Amino acid sequence: MRIGRFTSLAACCCMLTAMAGCGDKLQVAEVTGVVTLKGEPLEFVHVEFWPEVGPRSFGKTDASGKFTLQTDDRTQPGAVPGSHKVSLKDTWHTREDYISDGGDWVDMSAGKKSRISTKYYDAVKSPLSVSVKSGEANNFDFAVDPLGK
């Protein structure tokens, strides 16, 4: 009788665990913003938010410098709540993002120079960090330094 109860309890726990995992979506919050240089909006800037825990989110600025983030797997708009390091990569000279099969950024600029400082390129070294808040719209504006600063 004890084995039967244990088996039933174990089966029930397994079923509840499986049900809890089904359809779970990552908790994200809406994230938008604008990237500017000397007060002017920048188009073609690749924006990445790297959280302390969870997947990266990314977006690209449009002609008005505005970006909207989406999760790295492209299934949800936004970013996970919490602290994030922010990296920015200027892609105006290529008009596209080039990421190698290994996930590294590939320079396809053909010698053309970035408009923004390269200090923003590496999320670990970037001076930009933000806190994404759950349950609210998060808007972050970044006024960046030009190349060479």
C-alpha atoms as a PDB file:
ATOM      1  CA  MET A   1       0.000   0.000   0.000  1.00  0.00           C
ATOM      2  CA  ARG A   2       2.850   2.394   0.795  1.00  0.00           C
ATOM      3  CA  ILE A   3       4.417   1.793  -2.600  1.00  0.00           C
ATOM      4  CA  GLY A   4       1.112   2.578  -4.305  1.00  0.00           C
ATOM      5  CA  ARG A   5       0.757   5.900  -2.449  1.00  0.00           C
ATOM      6  CA  PHE A   6       4.364   6.820  -3.164  1.00  0.00           C
ATOM      7  CA  THR A   7       3.950   6.008  -6.846  1.00  0.00           C
ATOM      8  CA  SER A   8       0.753   8.052  -7.017  1.00  0.00           C
ATOM      9  CA  LEU A   9       2.407  10.975  -5.222  1.00  0.00           C
ATOM     10  CA  ALA A  10       5.459  10.797  -7.491  1.00  0.00           C
ATOM     11  CA  ALA A  11       3.277  10.657 -10.598  1.00  0.00           C
ATOM     12  CA  CYS A  12       1.256  13.636  -9.368  1.00  0.00           C
ATOM     13  CA  CYS A  13       4.426  15.663  -8.684  1.00  0.00           C
ATOM     14  CA  CYS A  14       5.826  14.820 -12.118  1.00  0.00           C
ATOM     15  CA  MET A  15       2.582  15.855 -13.779  1.00  0.00           C
ATOM     16  CA  LEU A  16       2.445  19.172 -11.896  1.00  0.00           C
ATOM     17  CA  THR A  17       6.078  19.899 -12.740  1.00  0.00           C
ATOM     18  CA  ALA A  18       5.452  19.161 -16.415  1.00  0.00           C
ATOM     19  CA  MET A  19       2.338  21.333 -16.447  1.00  0.00           C
ATOM     20  CA  ALA A  20       4.149  24.206 -14.770  1.00  0.00           C
ATOM     21  CA  GLY A  21       6.827  24.088 -17.451  1.00  0.00           C
ATOM     22  CA  CYS A  22       4.400  23.992 -20.341  1.00  0.00           C
ATOM     23  CA  GLY A  23       3.785  27.327 -21.973  1.00  0.00           C
ATOM     24  CA  ASP A  24       5.972  29.260 -19.550  1.00  0.00           C
ATOM     25  CA  LYS A  25       7.132  32.450 -21.189  1.00  0.00           C
ATOM     26  CA  LEU A  26      10.163  34.399 -20.168  1.00  0.00           C
ATOM     27  CA  GLN A  27       9.236  37.408 -18.011  1.00  0.00           C
ATOM     28  CA  VAL A  28      10.162  40.504 -20.010  1.00  0.00           C
ATOM     29  CA  ALA A  29       9.423  44.215 -19.882  1.00  0.00           C
ATOM     30  CA  GLU A  30       8.990  46.566 -22.822  1.00  0.00           C
ATOM     31  CA  VAL A  31      12.190  48.469 -23.653  1.00  0.00           C
ATOM     32  CA  THR A  32      12.563  51.353 -26.101  1.00  0.00           C
ATOM     33  CA  GLY A  33      14.889  54.297 -26.423  1.00  0.00           C
ATOM     34  CA  VAL A  34      16.784  56.677 -28.652  1.00  0.00           C
ATOM     35  CA  VAL A  35      20.469  56.919 -29.545  1.00  0.00           C
ATOM     36  CA  THR A  36      21.848  60.357 -30.405  1.00  0.00           C
ATOM     37  CA  LEU A  37      25.200  61.913 -31.284  1.00  0.00           C
ATOM     38  CA  LYS A  38      25.592  65.656 -30.732  1.00  0.00           C
ATOM     39  CA  GLY A  39      21.810  65.910 -30.357  1.00  0.00           C
ATOM     40  CA  GLU A  40      21.104  64.222 -33.695  1.00  0.00           C
ATOM     41  CA  PRO A  41      19.428  60.792 -33.959  1.00  0.00           C
ATOM     42  CA  LEU A  42      21.584  57.929 -35.207  1.00  0.00           C
ATOM     43  CA  GLU A  43      20.203  55.353 -37.602  1.00  0.00           C
ATOM     44  CA  PHE A  44      21.734  51.856 -37.936  1.00  0.00           C
ATOM     45  CA  VAL A  45      23.036  51.486 -34.380  1.00  0.00           C
ATOM     46  CA  HIS A  46      22.841  47.903 -33.090  1.00  0.00           C
ATOM     47  CA  VAL A  47      21.733  48.019 -29.416  1.00  0.00           C
ATOM     48  CA  GLU A  48      22.285  45.081 -27.040  1.00  0.00           C
ATOM     49  CA  PHE A  49      21.168  44.710 -23.421  1.00  0.00           C
ATOM     50  CA  TRP A  50      23.171  42.060 -21.528  1.00  0.00           C
ATOM     51  CA  PRO A  51      21.484  41.124 -18.226  1.00  0.00           C
ATOM     52  CA  GLU A  52      23.237  39.733 -15.157  1.00  0.00           C
ATOM     53  CA  VAL A  53      20.890  36.741 -15.452  1.00  0.00           C
ATOM     54  CA  GLY A  54      18.943  35.639 -18.504  1.00  0.00           C
ATOM     55  CA  PRO A  55      19.146  36.069 -22.257  1.00  0.00           C
ATOM     56  CA  ARG A  56      20.391  39.105 -24.128  1.00  0.00           C
ATOM     57  CA  SER A  57      17.985  41.429 -25.941  1.00  0.00           C
ATOM     58  CA  PHE A  58      18.721  43.507 -29.009  1.00  0.00           C
ATOM     59  CA  GLY A  59      17.360  46.043 -31.454  1.00  0.00           C
ATOM     60  CA  LYS A  60      18.441  48.486 -34.142  1.00  0.00           C
ATOM     61  CA  THR A  61      17.824  52.205 -34.385  1.00  0.00           C
ATOM     62  CA  ASP A  62      15.659  53.611 -37.152  1.00  0.00           C
ATOM     63  CA  ALA A  63      15.956  56.984 -38.938  1.00  0.00           C
ATOM     64  CA  SER A  64      14.739  58.793 -35.797  1.00  0.00           C
ATOM     65  CA  GLY A  65      17.327  57.015 -33.623  1.00  0.00           C
ATOM     66  CA  LYS A  66      14.612  54.946 -31.930  1.00  0.00           C
ATOM     67  CA  PHE A  67      15.058  51.293 -30.997  1.00  0.00           C
ATOM     68  CA  THR A  68      12.752  48.639 -29.586  1.00  0.00           C
ATOM     69  CA  LEU A  69      14.287  45.547 -28.007  1.00  0.00           C
ATOM     70  CA  GLN A  70      13.379  41.920 -28.569  1.00  0.00           C
ATOM     71  CA  THR A  71      14.694  38.818 -26.862  1.00  0.00           C
ATOM     72  CA  ASP A  72      17.682  37.059 -28.387  1.00  0.00           C
ATOM     73  CA  ASP A  73      15.506  34.211 -29.654  1.00  0.00           C
ATOM     74  CA  ARG A  74      13.214  36.796 -31.302  1.00  0.00           C
ATOM     75  CA  THR A  75      10.110  35.367 -29.627  1.00  0.00           C
ATOM     76  CA  GLN A  76       9.205  38.291 -27.363  1.00  0.00           C
ATOM     77  CA  PRO A  77       9.507  42.066 -27.383  1.00  0.00           C
ATOM     78  CA  GLY A  78      11.495  43.525 -24.496  1.00  0.00           C
ATOM     79  CA  ALA A  79      14.191  42.500 -22.019  1.00  0.00           C
ATOM     80  CA  VAL A  80      14.301  40.567 -18.760  1.00  0.00           C
ATOM     81  CA  PRO A  81      13.922  42.753 -15.650  1.00  0.00           C
ATOM     82  CA  GLY A  82      17.090  43.590 -13.732  1.00  0.00           C
ATOM     83  CA  SER A  83      20.498  45.157 -14.281  1.00  0.00           C
ATOM     84  CA  HIS A  84      21.920  45.219 -17.797  1.00  0.00           C
ATOM     85  CA  LYS A  85      25.163  46.286 -19.418  1.00  0.00           C
ATOM     86  CA  VAL A  86      24.510  48.024 -22.733  1.00  0.00           C
ATOM     87  CA  SER A  87      26.593  47.746 -25.882  1.00  0.00           C
ATOM     88  CA  LEU A  88      26.160  49.852 -29.000  1.00  0.00           C
ATOM     89  CA  LYS A  89      27.684  49.091 -32.385  1.00  0.00           C
ATOM     90  CA  ASP A  90      27.498  51.511 -35.282  1.00  0.00           C
ATOM     91  CA  THR A  91      26.480  49.669 -38.464  1.00  0.00           C
ATOM     92  CA  TRP A  92      25.753  52.669 -40.733  1.00  0.00           C
ATOM     93  CA  HIS A  93      28.628  51.798 -43.049  1.00  0.00           C
ATOM     94  CA  THR A  94      27.379  48.250 -43.645  1.00  0.00           C
ATOM     95  CA  ARG A  95      23.631  48.757 -43.097  1.00  0.00           C
ATOM     96  CA  GLU A  96      23.579  45.267 -41.572  1.00  0.00           C
ATOM     97  CA  ASP A  97      24.724  43.283 -38.540  1.00  0.00           C
ATOM     98  CA  TYR A  98      27.344  40.652 -39.190  1.00  0.00           C
ATOM     99  CA  ILE A  99      27.727  38.002 -36.546  1.00  0.00           C
ATOM    100  CA  SER A 100      29.993  34.999 -37.188  1.00  0.00           C
ATOM    101  CA  ASP A 101      28.889  31.419 -36.609  1.00  0.00           C
ATOM    102  CA  GLY A 102      30.709  31.627 -33.262  1.00  0.00           C
ATOM    103  CA  GLY A 103      28.669  34.676 -32.223  1.00  0.00           C
ATOM    104  CA  ASP A 104      31.488  37.213 -32.680  1.00  0.00           C
ATOM    105  CA  TRP A 105      30.950  40.619 -34.235  1.00  0.00           C
ATOM    106  CA  VAL A 106      32.518  40.736 -37.722  1.00  0.00           C
ATOM    107  CA  ASP A 107      33.873  44.024 -39.086  1.00  0.00           C
ATOM    108  CA  MET A 108      32.449  44.420 -42.600  1.00  0.00           C
ATOM    109  CA  SER A 109      33.182  48.149 -42.821  1.00  0.00           C
ATOM    110  CA  ALA A 110      35.752  47.964 -45.651  1.00  0.00           C
ATOM    111  CA  GLY A 111      37.833  50.572 -43.828  1.00  0.00           C
ATOM    112  CA  LYS A 112      34.989  53.007 -43.150  1.00  0.00           C
ATOM    113  CA  LYS A 113      34.949  54.418 -39.635  1.00  0.00           C
ATOM    114  CA  SER A 114      32.280  54.220 -36.968  1.00  0.00           C
ATOM    115  CA  ARG A 115      30.504  57.436 -36.016  1.00  0.00           C
ATOM    116  CA  ILE A 116      30.512  56.531 -32.314  1.00  0.00           C
ATOM    117  CA  SER A 117      33.237  55.720 -29.829  1.00  0.00           C
ATOM    118  CA  THR A 118      34.289  52.089 -29.781  1.00  0.00           C
ATOM    119  CA  LYS A 119      34.108  52.137 -25.968  1.00  0.00           C
ATOM    120  CA  TYR A 120      30.445  51.106 -26.368  1.00  0.00           C
ATOM    121  CA  TYR A 121      31.155  48.003 -28.490  1.00  0.00           C
ATOM    122  CA  ASP A 122      32.012  45.548 -25.703  1.00  0.00           C
ATOM    123  CA  ALA A 123      29.247  45.066 -23.111  1.00  0.00           C
ATOM    124  CA  VAL A 124      31.775  44.174 -20.407  1.00  0.00           C
ATOM    125  CA  LYS A 125      33.758  47.407 -20.921  1.00  0.00           C
ATOM    126  CA  SER A 126      30.882  49.680 -21.937  1.00  0.00           C
ATOM    127  CA  PRO A 127      30.223  52.616 -19.594  1.00  0.00           C
ATOM    128  CA  LEU A 128      26.486  52.163 -20.167  1.00  0.00           C
ATOM    129  CA  SER A 129      24.296  50.240 -17.742  1.00  0.00           C
ATOM    130  CA  VAL A 130      20.579  50.360 -16.986  1.00  0.00           C
ATOM    131  CA  SER A 131      17.981  48.738 -14.786  1.00  0.00           C
ATOM    132  CA  VAL A 132      14.938  47.296 -16.546  1.00  0.00           C
ATOM    133  CA  LYS A 133      11.851  47.404 -14.333  1.00  0.00           C
ATOM    134  CA  SER A 134       9.156  44.754 -14.454  1.00  0.00           C
ATOM    135  CA  GLY A 135       5.591  45.734 -15.270  1.00  0.00           C
ATOM    136  CA  GLU A 136       6.378  49.101 -16.799  1.00  0.00           C
ATOM    137  CA  ALA A 137       7.535  50.603 -20.064  1.00  0.00           C
ATOM    138  CA  ASN A 138      11.281  51.276 -19.897  1.00  0.00           C
ATOM    139  CA  ASN A 139      12.657  54.082 -22.064  1.00  0.00           C
ATOM    140  CA  PHE A 140      16.403  54.675 -22.226  1.00  0.00           C
ATOM    141  CA  ASP A 141      18.015  57.476 -24.224  1.00  0.00           C
ATOM    142  CA  PHE A 142      21.740  57.282 -24.933  1.00  0.00           C
ATOM    143  CA  ALA A 143      23.697  60.395 -25.952  1.00  0.00           C
ATOM    144  CA  VAL A 144      26.935  58.874 -27.203  1.00  0.00           C
ATOM    145  CA  ASP A 145      30.443  60.203 -27.764  1.00  0.00           C
ATOM    146  CA  PRO A 146      31.892  60.381 -31.266  1.00  0.00           C
ATOM    147  CA  LEU A 147      34.719  58.149 -32.444  1.00  0.00           C
ATOM    148  CA  GLY A 148      37.964  59.136 -30.760  1.00  0.00           C
ATOM    149  CA  LYS A 149      36.445  60.138 -27.416  1.00  0.00           C
END
